[in-house]
Amino acid sequence: MAQFIINKKQQASGDYEIHNRTTGCAHLPEQENQVNLGYYPGCKEAVEAAKSKWPGKVIIGCYYCANSCHES
């Protein structure tokens, strides 16, 4: 299981990105912009959990640490 966070700061594209903290992503947002999502088997489950918490938001995985979930 890996720990995931979501960047509470919206990207220029309008998306909100999740990041895998366990892998040590080099593109993590600043600490004050990180919201802990918890531990999940993979990015798919983390994105689903985030979408259930913030319905209507476009939430995707980070290109670098959660690439398989990078598309909206």
PDB file of N, CA and C in Angstrom:
ATOM      1  N   MET A   1       0.853  -1.180   0.000  1.00  0.00           N
ATOM      2  CA  MET A   1       0.000   0.000   0.000  1.00  0.00           C
ATOM      3  C   MET A   1       0.897   1.242   0.000  1.00  0.00           C
ATOM      4  N   ALA A   2       0.444   2.226  -0.698  1.00  0.00           N
ATOM      5  CA  ALA A   2       1.204   3.466  -0.806  1.00  0.00           C
ATOM      6  C   ALA A   2       0.369   4.622  -0.254  1.00  0.00           C
ATOM      7  N   GLN A   3       1.060   5.623   0.265  1.00  0.00           N
ATOM      8  CA  GLN A   3       0.378   6.808   0.781  1.00  0.00           C
ATOM      9  C   GLN A   3       0.228   7.823  -0.354  1.00  0.00           C
ATOM     10  N   PHE A   4      -0.981   8.337  -0.498  1.00  0.00           N
ATOM     11  CA  PHE A   4      -1.273   9.323  -1.533  1.00  0.00           C
ATOM     12  C   PHE A   4      -1.727  10.629  -0.912  1.00  0.00           C
ATOM     13  N   ILE A   5      -1.391  11.718  -1.596  1.00  0.00           N
ATOM     14  CA  ILE A   5      -1.863  13.051  -1.211  1.00  0.00           C
ATOM     15  C   ILE A   5      -2.471  13.698  -2.453  1.00  0.00           C
ATOM     16  N   ILE A   6      -3.269  14.728  -2.227  1.00  0.00           N
ATOM     17  CA  ILE A   6      -3.786  15.523  -3.331  1.00  0.00           C
ATOM     18  C   ILE A   6      -3.294  16.950  -3.141  1.00  0.00           C
ATOM     19  N   ASN A   7      -2.970  17.567  -4.246  1.00  0.00           N
ATOM     20  CA  ASN A   7      -2.562  18.970  -4.231  1.00  0.00           C
ATOM     21  C   ASN A   7      -3.837  19.806  -4.177  1.00  0.00           C
ATOM     22  N   LYS A   8      -4.012  20.576  -3.109  1.00  0.00           N
ATOM     23  CA  LYS A   8      -5.236  21.372  -2.991  1.00  0.00           C
ATOM     24  C   LYS A   8      -5.205  22.607  -3.889  1.00  0.00           C
ATOM     25  N   LYS A   9      -4.050  22.865  -4.499  1.00  0.00           N
ATOM     26  CA  LYS A   9      -3.920  23.976  -5.435  1.00  0.00           C
ATOM     27  C   LYS A   9      -4.206  23.464  -6.844  1.00  0.00           C
ATOM     28  N   GLN A  10      -5.173  24.056  -7.480  1.00  0.00           N
ATOM     29  CA  GLN A  10      -5.579  23.642  -8.824  1.00  0.00           C
ATOM     30  C   GLN A  10      -4.487  23.954  -9.846  1.00  0.00           C
ATOM     31  N   GLN A  11      -4.263  23.014 -10.764  1.00  0.00           N
ATOM     32  CA  GLN A  11      -3.291  23.213 -11.834  1.00  0.00           C
ATOM     33  C   GLN A  11      -3.835  24.203 -12.860  1.00  0.00           C
ATOM     34  N   ALA A  12      -2.985  24.745 -13.700  1.00  0.00           N
ATOM     35  CA  ALA A  12      -3.404  25.684 -14.750  1.00  0.00           C
ATOM     36  C   ALA A  12      -4.426  25.050 -15.687  1.00  0.00           C
ATOM     37  N   SER A  13      -4.358  23.732 -15.841  1.00  0.00           N
ATOM     38  CA  SER A  13      -5.285  22.994 -16.705  1.00  0.00           C
ATOM     39  C   SER A  13      -6.668  22.828 -16.072  1.00  0.00           C
ATOM     40  N   GLY A  14      -6.786  23.148 -14.780  1.00  0.00           N
ATOM     41  CA  GLY A  14      -8.038  22.978 -14.060  1.00  0.00           C
ATOM     42  C   GLY A  14      -8.111  21.693 -13.256  1.00  0.00           C
ATOM     43  N   ASP A  15      -7.111  20.840 -13.413  1.00  0.00           N
ATOM     44  CA  ASP A  15      -7.065  19.553 -12.708  1.00  0.00           C
ATOM     45  C   ASP A  15      -6.493  19.719 -11.301  1.00  0.00           C
ATOM     46  N   TYR A  16      -6.812  18.737 -10.473  1.00  0.00           N
ATOM     47  CA  TYR A  16      -6.176  18.568  -9.169  1.00  0.00           C
ATOM     48  C   TYR A  16      -5.405  17.261  -9.254  1.00  0.00           C
ATOM     49  N   GLU A  17      -4.149  17.264  -8.848  1.00  0.00           N
ATOM     50  CA  GLU A  17      -3.309  16.081  -8.993  1.00  0.00           C
ATOM     51  C   GLU A  17      -3.109  15.344  -7.677  1.00  0.00           C
ATOM     52  N   ILE A  18      -3.129  14.005  -7.780  1.00  0.00           N
ATOM     53  CA  ILE A  18      -2.735  13.184  -6.645  1.00  0.00           C
ATOM     54  C   ILE A  18      -1.286  12.773  -6.853  1.00  0.00           C
ATOM     55  N   HIS A  19      -0.593  12.567  -5.742  1.00  0.00           N
ATOM     56  CA  HIS A  19       0.812  12.160  -5.770  1.00  0.00           C
ATOM     57  C   HIS A  19       1.019  10.986  -4.831  1.00  0.00           C
ATOM     58  N   ASN A  20       1.965  10.150  -5.192  1.00  0.00           N
ATOM     59  CA  ASN A  20       2.346   9.002  -4.379  1.00  0.00           C
ATOM     60  C   ASN A  20       3.505   9.429  -3.485  1.00  0.00           C
ATOM     61  N   ARG A  21       3.232   9.654  -2.203  1.00  0.00           N
ATOM     62  CA  ARG A  21       4.290  10.060  -1.257  1.00  0.00           C
ATOM     63  C   ARG A  21       5.256   8.926  -0.973  1.00  0.00           C
ATOM     64  N   THR A  22       4.791   7.703  -1.041  1.00  0.00           N
ATOM     65  CA  THR A  22       5.623   6.558  -0.718  1.00  0.00           C
ATOM     66  C   THR A  22       6.813   6.444  -1.672  1.00  0.00           C
ATOM     67  N   THR A  23       6.603   6.748  -2.936  1.00  0.00           N
ATOM     68  CA  THR A  23       7.689   6.638  -3.920  1.00  0.00           C
ATOM     69  C   THR A  23       8.623   7.837  -3.877  1.00  0.00           C
ATOM     70  N   GLY A  24       8.268   8.868  -3.122  1.00  0.00           N
ATOM     71  CA  GLY A  24       9.131  10.040  -3.017  1.00  0.00           C
ATOM     72  C   GLY A  24       9.127  10.883  -4.277  1.00  0.00           C
ATOM     73  N   CYS A  25       7.977  11.207  -4.779  1.00  0.00           N
ATOM     74  CA  CYS A  25       7.831  11.999  -6.000  1.00  0.00           C
ATOM     75  C   CYS A  25       8.593  13.321  -5.895  1.00  0.00           C
ATOM     76  N   ALA A  26       9.349  13.628  -6.917  1.00  0.00           N
ATOM     77  CA  ALA A  26      10.116  14.875  -6.962  1.00  0.00           C
ATOM     78  C   ALA A  26       9.226  16.086  -7.259  1.00  0.00           C
ATOM     79  N   HIS A  27       7.966  15.835  -7.568  1.00  0.00           N
ATOM     80  CA  HIS A  27       7.045  16.911  -7.943  1.00  0.00           C
ATOM     81  C   HIS A  27       5.928  17.116  -6.929  1.00  0.00           C
ATOM     82  N   LEU A  28       6.187  16.734  -5.676  1.00  0.00           N
ATOM     83  CA  LEU A  28       5.180  16.959  -4.629  1.00  0.00           C
ATOM     84  C   LEU A  28       4.930  18.451  -4.469  1.00  0.00           C
ATOM     85  N   PRO A  29       3.689  18.834  -4.195  1.00  0.00           N
ATOM     86  CA  PRO A  29       3.410  20.243  -3.928  1.00  0.00           C
ATOM     87  C   PRO A  29       4.005  20.659  -2.582  1.00  0.00           C
ATOM     88  N   GLU A  30       4.050  21.956  -2.355  1.00  0.00           N
ATOM     89  CA  GLU A  30       4.510  22.467  -1.067  1.00  0.00           C
ATOM     90  C   GLU A  30       3.670  21.834   0.037  1.00  0.00           C
ATOM     91  N   GLN A  31       4.257  21.641   1.197  1.00  0.00           N
ATOM     92  CA  GLN A  31       3.592  20.982   2.322  1.00  0.00           C
ATOM     93  C   GLN A  31       2.221  21.590   2.626  1.00  0.00           C
ATOM     94  N   GLU A  32       2.109  22.918   2.573  1.00  0.00           N
ATOM     95  CA  GLU A  32       0.836  23.570   2.903  1.00  0.00           C
ATOM     96  C   GLU A  32      -0.259  23.298   1.864  1.00  0.00           C
ATOM     97  N   ASN A  33       0.109  22.779   0.694  1.00  0.00           N
ATOM     98  CA  ASN A  33      -0.871  22.449  -0.341  1.00  0.00           C
ATOM     99  C   ASN A  33      -1.189  20.961  -0.421  1.00  0.00           C
ATOM    100  N   GLN A  34      -0.638  20.172   0.502  1.00  0.00           N
ATOM    101  CA  GLN A  34      -0.863  18.729   0.505  1.00  0.00           C
ATOM    102  C   GLN A  34      -2.014  18.348   1.441  1.00  0.00           C
ATOM    103  N   VAL A  35      -2.922  17.534   0.918  1.00  0.00           N
ATOM    104  CA  VAL A  35      -4.006  16.969   1.728  1.00  0.00           C
ATOM    105  C   VAL A  35      -3.834  15.456   1.683  1.00  0.00           C
ATOM    106  N   ASN A  36      -3.685  14.851   2.838  1.00  0.00           N
ATOM    107  CA  ASN A  36      -3.483  13.410   2.915  1.00  0.00           C
ATOM    108  C   ASN A  36      -4.754  12.668   2.510  1.00  0.00           C
ATOM    109  N   LEU A  37      -4.617  11.738   1.573  1.00  0.00           N
ATOM    110  CA  LEU A  37      -5.753  10.898   1.169  1.00  0.00           C
ATOM    111  C   LEU A  37      -5.750   9.568   1.903  1.00  0.00           C
ATOM    112  N   GLY A  38      -4.577   9.148   2.359  1.00  0.00           N
ATOM    113  CA  GLY A  38      -4.455   7.869   3.044  1.00  0.00           C
ATOM    114  C   GLY A  38      -3.691   6.867   2.201  1.00  0.00           C
ATOM    115  N   TYR A  39      -3.816   5.593   2.566  1.00  0.00           N
ATOM    116  CA  TYR A  39      -3.074   4.517   1.919  1.00  0.00           C
ATOM    117  C   TYR A  39      -3.993   3.714   1.007  1.00  0.00           C
ATOM    118  N   TYR A  40      -3.515   3.446  -0.200  1.00  0.00           N
ATOM    119  CA  TYR A  40      -4.284   2.710  -1.197  1.00  0.00           C
ATOM    120  C   TYR A  40      -3.350   1.774  -1.959  1.00  0.00           C
ATOM    121  N   PRO A  41      -3.915   0.703  -2.539  1.00  0.00           N
ATOM    122  CA  PRO A  41      -3.093  -0.225  -3.313  1.00  0.00           C
ATOM    123  C   PRO A  41      -2.464   0.420  -4.551  1.00  0.00           C
ATOM    124  N   GLY A  42      -3.138   1.416  -5.107  1.00  0.00           N
ATOM    125  CA  GLY A  42      -2.634   2.074  -6.307  1.00  0.00           C
ATOM    126  C   GLY A  42      -3.313   3.400  -6.546  1.00  0.00           C
ATOM    127  N   CYS A  43      -2.879   4.079  -7.598  1.00  0.00           N
ATOM    128  CA  CYS A  43      -3.411   5.417  -7.872  1.00  0.00           C
ATOM    129  C   CYS A  43      -4.883   5.388  -8.269  1.00  0.00           C
ATOM    130  N   LYS A  44      -5.324   4.316  -8.909  1.00  0.00           N
ATOM    131  CA  LYS A  44      -6.730   4.236  -9.316  1.00  0.00           C
ATOM    132  C   LYS A  44      -7.654   4.356  -8.104  1.00  0.00           C
ATOM    133  N   GLU A  45      -7.340   3.622  -7.057  1.00  0.00           N
ATOM    134  CA  GLU A  45      -8.154   3.662  -5.845  1.00  0.00           C
ATOM    135  C   GLU A  45      -8.056   5.024  -5.153  1.00  0.00           C
ATOM    136  N   ALA A  46      -6.865   5.612  -5.191  1.00  0.00           N
ATOM    137  CA  ALA A  46      -6.680   6.935  -4.590  1.00  0.00           C
ATOM    138  C   ALA A  46      -7.478   8.005  -5.341  1.00  0.00           C
ATOM    139  N   VAL A  47      -7.473   7.935  -6.666  1.00  0.00           N
ATOM    140  CA  VAL A  47      -8.247   8.893  -7.468  1.00  0.00           C
ATOM    141  C   VAL A  47      -9.736   8.710  -7.193  1.00  0.00           C
ATOM    142  N   GLU A  48     -10.199   7.468  -7.139  1.00  0.00           N
ATOM    143  CA  GLU A  48     -11.619   7.203  -6.849  1.00  0.00           C
ATOM    144  C   GLU A  48     -12.016   7.770  -5.484  1.00  0.00           C
ATOM    145  N   ALA A  49     -11.157   7.582  -4.481  1.00  0.00           N
ATOM    146  CA  ALA A  49     -11.445   8.101  -3.138  1.00  0.00           C
ATOM    147  C   ALA A  49     -11.501   9.625  -3.154  1.00  0.00           C
ATOM    148  N   ALA A  50     -10.573  10.249  -3.854  1.00  0.00           N
ATOM    149  CA  ALA A  50     -10.547  11.714  -3.933  1.00  0.00           C
ATOM    150  C   ALA A  50     -11.786  12.236  -4.654  1.00  0.00           C
ATOM    151  N   LYS A  51     -12.185  11.570  -5.723  1.00  0.00           N
ATOM    152  CA  LYS A  51     -13.373  11.996  -6.468  1.00  0.00           C
ATOM    153  C   LYS A  51     -14.636  11.855  -5.622  1.00  0.00           C
ATOM    154  N   SER A  52     -14.667  10.863  -4.727  1.00  0.00           N
ATOM    155  CA  SER A  52     -15.845  10.716  -3.866  1.00  0.00           C
ATOM    156  C   SER A  52     -15.876  11.815  -2.801  1.00  0.00           C
ATOM    157  N   LYS A  53     -14.689  12.311  -2.372  1.00  0.00           N
ATOM    158  CA  LYS A  53     -14.631  13.400  -1.394  1.00  0.00           C
ATOM    159  C   LYS A  53     -14.922  14.755  -2.028  1.00  0.00           C
ATOM    160  N   TRP A  54     -14.494  14.916  -3.278  1.00  0.00           N
ATOM    161  CA  TRP A  54     -14.654  16.192  -3.985  1.00  0.00           C
ATOM    162  C   TRP A  54     -15.342  15.963  -5.314  1.00  0.00           C
ATOM    163  N   PRO A  55     -16.631  15.620  -5.290  1.00  0.00           N
ATOM    164  CA  PRO A  55     -17.344  15.380  -6.547  1.00  0.00           C
ATOM    165  C   PRO A  55     -17.375  16.652  -7.395  1.00  0.00           C
ATOM    166  N   GLY A  56     -17.288  16.459  -8.672  1.00  0.00           N
ATOM    167  CA  GLY A  56     -17.315  17.596  -9.596  1.00  0.00           C
ATOM    168  C   GLY A  56     -15.943  18.160  -9.905  1.00  0.00           C
ATOM    169  N   LYS A  57     -14.921  17.753  -9.147  1.00  0.00           N
ATOM    170  CA  LYS A  57     -13.546  18.195  -9.420  1.00  0.00           C
ATOM    171  C   LYS A  57     -12.896  17.206 -10.386  1.00  0.00           C
ATOM    172  N   VAL A  58     -12.049  17.734 -11.265  1.00  0.00           N
ATOM    173  CA  VAL A  58     -11.286  16.877 -12.162  1.00  0.00           C
ATOM    174  C   VAL A  58     -10.004  16.503 -11.430  1.00  0.00           C
ATOM    175  N   ILE A  59      -9.870  15.218 -11.095  1.00  0.00           N
ATOM    176  CA  ILE A  59      -8.749  14.728 -10.306  1.00  0.00           C
ATOM    177  C   ILE A  59      -8.016  13.669 -11.111  1.00  0.00           C
ATOM    178  N   ILE A  60      -6.714  13.883 -11.250  1.00  0.00           N
ATOM    179  CA  ILE A  60      -5.881  12.964 -12.026  1.00  0.00           C
ATOM    180  C   ILE A  60      -4.622  12.631 -11.240  1.00  0.00           C
ATOM    181  N   GLY A  61      -3.899  11.640 -11.711  1.00  0.00           N
ATOM    182  CA  GLY A  61      -2.626  11.288 -11.113  1.00  0.00           C
ATOM    183  C   GLY A  61      -1.503  12.140 -11.670  1.00  0.00           C
ATOM    184  N   CYS A  62      -0.479  12.313 -10.876  1.00  0.00           N
ATOM    185  CA  CYS A  62       0.727  13.026 -11.297  1.00  0.00           C
ATOM    186  C   CYS A  62       1.374  12.284 -12.466  1.00  0.00           C
ATOM    187  N   TYR A  63       1.825  13.018 -13.449  1.00  0.00           N
ATOM    188  CA  TYR A  63       2.486  12.425 -14.612  1.00  0.00           C
ATOM    189  C   TYR A  63       3.697  11.593 -14.197  1.00  0.00           C
ATOM    190  N   TYR A  64       4.393  11.998 -13.148  1.00  0.00           N
ATOM    191  CA  TYR A  64       5.653  11.370 -12.750  1.00  0.00           C
ATOM    192  C   TYR A  64       5.490  10.206 -11.778  1.00  0.00           C
ATOM    193  N   CYS A  65       4.591  10.314 -10.819  1.00  0.00           N
ATOM    194  CA  CYS A  65       4.508   9.262  -9.796  1.00  0.00           C
ATOM    195  C   CYS A  65       3.203   8.468  -9.832  1.00  0.00           C
ATOM    196  N   ALA A  66       2.237   8.891 -10.632  1.00  0.00           N
ATOM    197  CA  ALA A  66       0.957   8.170 -10.757  1.00  0.00           C
ATOM    198  C   ALA A  66       0.491   8.253 -12.204  1.00  0.00           C
ATOM    199  N   ASN A  67       1.424   7.962 -13.110  1.00  0.00           N
ATOM    200  CA  ASN A  67       1.188   8.155 -14.550  1.00  0.00           C
ATOM    201  C   ASN A  67       0.023   7.368 -15.091  1.00  0.00           C
ATOM    202  N   SER A  68      -0.212   6.165 -14.582  1.00  0.00           N
ATOM    203  CA  SER A  68      -1.319   5.359 -15.112  1.00  0.00           C
ATOM    204  C   SER A  68      -2.683   5.987 -14.809  1.00  0.00           C
ATOM    205  N   CYS A  69      -2.704   7.009 -13.947  1.00  0.00           N
ATOM    206  CA  CYS A  69      -3.951   7.727 -13.613  1.00  0.00           C
ATOM    207  C   CYS A  69      -3.879   9.191 -14.062  1.00  0.00           C
ATOM    208  N   HIS A  70      -2.975   9.485 -14.967  1.00  0.00           N
ATOM    209  CA  HIS A  70      -2.739  10.877 -15.360  1.00  0.00           C
ATOM    210  C   HIS A  70      -3.853  11.475 -16.217  1.00  0.00           C
ATOM    211  N   GLU A  71      -4.646  10.681 -16.876  1.00  0.00           N
ATOM    212  CA  GLU A  71      -5.706  11.250 -17.724  1.00  0.00           C
ATOM    213  C   GLU A  71      -6.985  11.470 -16.933  1.00  0.00           C
ATOM    214  N   SER A  72      -7.764  12.447 -17.362  1.00  0.00           N
ATOM    215  CA  SER A  72      -9.021  12.751 -16.649  1.00  0.00           C
ATOM    216  C   SER A  72     -10.170  11.967 -17.220  1.00  0.00           C
TER     217      SER A  72
END
